[in-house]
Amino acid sequence: MHGDRGSVSAELVIATPLLLLMVLALVQFALWSHATHIAQAAASQGLATARAQNGTTAAGTSTAQQLLDQLASGPLTGSVVASERTADSASVRVSGTATSVLPFLSLPVHAEAAGPVERFVPDLEGG
């Protein structure tokens, strides 16, 4: 019995930091997931603007950046928006880094939305 003295304290010294690390890892994953959802929402919103009939890449980038400015001040840092539009399709890419809770951990965030450009096609049948 006397040989077991202090074993509970030693176990707590080892288990408490591991438990704290597991909780912080869970919080880090939640922040990364939230940042990814925000980036995807911004890319989708930018695409909706860029692919409109009279839309432009600048308008798509601006719309995505405005949404990021409103939503991403906490979970997403260093965000960059890039838009592209051709005669047939448009795409918006958002990238950045999730806010770090764990030291020395930097999780990248990428989201992309793409779709066809809206255009007016007249009815040729004259029905």
C-alpha atoms as a PDB file:
ATOM      1  CA  MET A   1       0.000   0.000   0.000  1.00  0.00           C
ATOM      2  CA  HIS A   2       2.780   2.447   0.824  1.00  0.00           C
ATOM      3  CA  GLY A   3       4.364   1.892  -2.615  1.00  0.00           C
ATOM      4  CA  ASP A   4       1.309   3.333  -4.372  1.00  0.00           C
ATOM      5  CA  ARG A   5       1.551   6.722  -2.687  1.00  0.00           C
ATOM      6  CA  GLY A   6       1.550   9.571  -5.186  1.00  0.00           C
ATOM      7  CA  SER A   7       0.508   7.434  -8.157  1.00  0.00           C
ATOM      8  CA  VAL A   8      -2.797   9.310  -8.541  1.00  0.00           C
ATOM      9  CA  SER A   9      -0.940  12.620  -8.674  1.00  0.00           C
ATOM     10  CA  ALA A  10       1.428  11.291 -11.322  1.00  0.00           C
ATOM     11  CA  GLU A  11      -1.489  10.009 -13.388  1.00  0.00           C
ATOM     12  CA  LEU A  12      -3.226  13.393 -13.170  1.00  0.00           C
ATOM     13  CA  VAL A  13      -0.054  15.174 -14.238  1.00  0.00           C
ATOM     14  CA  ILE A  14      -0.002  13.038 -17.380  1.00  0.00           C
ATOM     15  CA  ALA A  15      -3.743  12.761 -18.095  1.00  0.00           C
ATOM     16  CA  THR A  16      -4.762  16.415 -17.608  1.00  0.00           C
ATOM     17  CA  PRO A  17      -2.576  17.889 -20.385  1.00  0.00           C
ATOM     18  CA  LEU A  18      -3.607  15.092 -22.750  1.00  0.00           C
ATOM     19  CA  LEU A  19      -7.267  15.752 -22.042  1.00  0.00           C
ATOM     20  CA  LEU A  20      -6.748  19.479 -22.563  1.00  0.00           C
ATOM     21  CA  LEU A  21      -4.952  18.787 -25.848  1.00  0.00           C
ATOM     22  CA  MET A  22      -7.858  16.624 -27.018  1.00  0.00           C
ATOM     23  CA  VAL A  23     -10.362  19.374 -26.176  1.00  0.00           C
ATOM     24  CA  LEU A  24      -8.260  21.982 -27.995  1.00  0.00           C
ATOM     25  CA  ALA A  25      -7.976  19.679 -31.018  1.00  0.00           C
ATOM     26  CA  LEU A  26     -11.769  19.373 -31.075  1.00  0.00           C
ATOM     27  CA  VAL A  27     -12.141  23.165 -30.904  1.00  0.00           C
ATOM     28  CA  GLN A  28      -9.539  23.532 -33.679  1.00  0.00           C
ATOM     29  CA  PHE A  29     -11.470  21.142 -35.919  1.00  0.00           C
ATOM     30  CA  ALA A  30     -14.715  23.055 -35.245  1.00  0.00           C
ATOM     31  CA  LEU A  31     -13.030  26.368 -36.180  1.00  0.00           C
ATOM     32  CA  TRP A  32     -11.600  24.866 -39.369  1.00  0.00           C
ATOM     33  CA  SER A  33     -14.997  23.441 -40.303  1.00  0.00           C
ATOM     34  CA  HIS A  34     -16.716  26.783 -39.659  1.00  0.00           C
ATOM     35  CA  ALA A  35     -14.077  28.648 -41.696  1.00  0.00           C
ATOM     36  CA  THR A  36     -14.585  26.185 -44.562  1.00  0.00           C
ATOM     37  CA  HIS A  37     -18.339  26.768 -44.518  1.00  0.00           C
ATOM     38  CA  ILE A  38     -17.843  30.540 -44.554  1.00  0.00           C
ATOM     39  CA  ALA A  39     -15.422  30.279 -47.488  1.00  0.00           C
ATOM     40  CA  GLN A  40     -17.891  28.093 -49.387  1.00  0.00           C
ATOM     41  CA  ALA A  41     -20.742  30.533 -48.720  1.00  0.00           C
ATOM     42  CA  ALA A  42     -18.624  33.436 -49.975  1.00  0.00           C
ATOM     43  CA  ALA A  43     -17.596  31.521 -53.097  1.00  0.00           C
ATOM     44  CA  SER A  44     -21.223  30.606 -53.836  1.00  0.00           C
ATOM     45  CA  GLN A  45     -22.404  34.182 -53.341  1.00  0.00           C
ATOM     46  CA  GLY A  46     -19.613  35.501 -55.558  1.00  0.00           C
ATOM     47  CA  LEU A  47     -20.482  32.946 -58.224  1.00  0.00           C
ATOM     48  CA  ALA A  48     -24.137  33.994 -58.203  1.00  0.00           C
ATOM     49  CA  THR A  49     -23.026  37.547 -58.994  1.00  0.00           C
ATOM     50  CA  ALA A  50     -20.299  36.630 -61.501  1.00  0.00           C
ATOM     51  CA  ARG A  51     -22.456  34.249 -63.537  1.00  0.00           C
ATOM     52  CA  ALA A  52     -25.404  36.636 -63.882  1.00  0.00           C
ATOM     53  CA  GLN A  53     -26.177  37.774 -67.425  1.00  0.00           C
ATOM     54  CA  ASN A  54     -24.325  41.090 -67.045  1.00  0.00           C
ATOM     55  CA  GLY A  55     -21.971  39.934 -64.266  1.00  0.00           C
ATOM     56  CA  THR A  56     -18.235  40.429 -64.176  1.00  0.00           C
ATOM     57  CA  THR A  57     -15.287  38.868 -62.391  1.00  0.00           C
ATOM     58  CA  ALA A  58     -14.816  42.093 -60.432  1.00  0.00           C
ATOM     59  CA  ALA A  59     -18.428  41.984 -59.239  1.00  0.00           C
ATOM     60  CA  GLY A  60     -18.058  38.330 -58.200  1.00  0.00           C
ATOM     61  CA  THR A  61     -14.858  39.049 -56.307  1.00  0.00           C
ATOM     62  CA  SER A  62     -16.389  42.092 -54.637  1.00  0.00           C
ATOM     63  CA  THR A  63     -19.506  40.202 -53.510  1.00  0.00           C
ATOM     64  CA  ALA A  64     -17.459  37.329 -52.094  1.00  0.00           C
ATOM     65  CA  GLN A  65     -15.123  39.751 -50.301  1.00  0.00           C
ATOM     66  CA  GLN A  66     -18.067  41.666 -48.790  1.00  0.00           C
ATOM     67  CA  LEU A  67     -19.477  38.438 -47.365  1.00  0.00           C
ATOM     68  CA  LEU A  68     -16.061  37.504 -45.985  1.00  0.00           C
ATOM     69  CA  ASP A  69     -15.754  40.924 -44.368  1.00  0.00           C
ATOM     70  CA  GLN A  70     -19.107  40.375 -42.642  1.00  0.00           C
ATOM     71  CA  LEU A  71     -18.657  36.753 -41.552  1.00  0.00           C
ATOM     72  CA  ALA A  72     -15.024  35.767 -41.460  1.00  0.00           C
ATOM     73  CA  SER A  73     -13.456  38.188 -38.996  1.00  0.00           C
ATOM     74  CA  GLY A  74     -12.875  35.379 -36.484  1.00  0.00           C
ATOM     75  CA  PRO A  75     -12.525  31.889 -37.969  1.00  0.00           C
ATOM     76  CA  LEU A  76     -10.915  32.702 -41.343  1.00  0.00           C
ATOM     77  CA  THR A  77      -7.737  34.740 -41.654  1.00  0.00           C
ATOM     78  CA  GLY A  78      -5.724  35.858 -44.663  1.00  0.00           C
ATOM     79  CA  SER A  79      -8.561  35.216 -47.077  1.00  0.00           C
ATOM     80  CA  VAL A  80      -7.954  35.679 -50.801  1.00  0.00           C
ATOM     81  CA  VAL A  81     -10.694  35.720 -53.450  1.00  0.00           C
ATOM     82  CA  ALA A  82     -10.075  34.952 -57.123  1.00  0.00           C
ATOM     83  CA  SER A  83     -12.744  35.026 -59.845  1.00  0.00           C
ATOM     84  CA  GLU A  84     -12.723  33.860 -63.419  1.00  0.00           C
ATOM     85  CA  ARG A  85     -15.349  34.241 -66.145  1.00  0.00           C
ATOM     86  CA  THR A  86     -15.376  33.032 -69.712  1.00  0.00           C
ATOM     87  CA  ALA A  87     -18.128  33.178 -72.313  1.00  0.00           C
ATOM     88  CA  ASP A  88     -19.578  29.897 -71.008  1.00  0.00           C
ATOM     89  CA  SER A  89     -18.634  29.540 -67.340  1.00  0.00           C
ATOM     90  CA  ALA A  90     -17.655  31.391 -64.197  1.00  0.00           C
ATOM     91  CA  SER A  91     -15.830  30.346 -61.045  1.00  0.00           C
ATOM     92  CA  VAL A  92     -14.907  31.909 -57.715  1.00  0.00           C
ATOM     93  CA  ARG A  93     -12.188  30.572 -55.416  1.00  0.00           C
ATOM     94  CA  VAL A  94     -11.713  31.528 -51.786  1.00  0.00           C
ATOM     95  CA  SER A  95      -8.678  30.493 -49.780  1.00  0.00           C
ATOM     96  CA  GLY A  96      -7.263  31.379 -46.410  1.00  0.00           C
ATOM     97  CA  THR A  97      -6.227  29.920 -43.077  1.00  0.00           C
ATOM     98  CA  ALA A  98      -8.353  28.791 -40.173  1.00  0.00           C
ATOM     99  CA  THR A  99      -7.719  30.637 -36.918  1.00  0.00           C
ATOM    100  CA  SER A 100      -5.283  28.589 -34.868  1.00  0.00           C
ATOM    101  CA  VAL A 101      -6.008  27.452 -31.321  1.00  0.00           C
ATOM    102  CA  LEU A 102      -3.159  24.957 -31.149  1.00  0.00           C
ATOM    103  CA  PRO A 103       0.325  26.452 -31.411  1.00  0.00           C
ATOM    104  CA  PHE A 104       2.315  25.743 -34.579  1.00  0.00           C
ATOM    105  CA  LEU A 105      -0.773  24.430 -36.414  1.00  0.00           C
ATOM    106  CA  SER A 106      -1.905  26.189 -39.568  1.00  0.00           C
ATOM    107  CA  LEU A 107      -4.876  24.628 -41.361  1.00  0.00           C
ATOM    108  CA  PRO A 108      -5.537  25.828 -44.921  1.00  0.00           C
ATOM    109  CA  VAL A 109      -9.076  26.532 -46.105  1.00  0.00           C
ATOM    110  CA  HIS A 110     -10.084  26.293 -49.772  1.00  0.00           C
ATOM    111  CA  ALA A 111     -13.492  26.608 -51.400  1.00  0.00           C
ATOM    112  CA  GLU A 112     -14.546  26.894 -55.015  1.00  0.00           C
ATOM    113  CA  ALA A 113     -17.845  27.410 -56.769  1.00  0.00           C
ATOM    114  CA  ALA A 114     -18.282  27.127 -60.529  1.00  0.00           C
ATOM    115  CA  GLY A 115     -21.189  27.180 -62.931  1.00  0.00           C
ATOM    116  CA  PRO A 116     -22.408  28.182 -66.370  1.00  0.00           C
ATOM    117  CA  VAL A 117     -22.901  31.823 -67.273  1.00  0.00           C
ATOM    118  CA  GLU A 118     -26.512  32.915 -67.593  1.00  0.00           C
ATOM    119  CA  ARG A 119     -27.432  34.216 -71.002  1.00  0.00           C
ATOM    120  CA  PHE A 120     -30.564  35.068 -72.892  1.00  0.00           C
ATOM    121  CA  VAL A 121     -31.473  32.650 -75.669  1.00  0.00           C
ATOM    122  CA  PRO A 122     -34.404  33.825 -77.816  1.00  0.00           C
ATOM    123  CA  ASP A 123     -37.158  31.413 -78.698  1.00  0.00           C
ATOM    124  CA  LEU A 124     -36.663  30.721 -82.408  1.00  0.00           C
ATOM    125  CA  GLU A 125     -39.830  28.680 -82.908  1.00  0.00           C
ATOM    126  CA  GLY A 126     -42.069  31.718 -82.531  1.00  0.00           C
ATOM    127  CA  GLY A 127     -44.712  29.573 -80.845  1.00  0.00           C
END
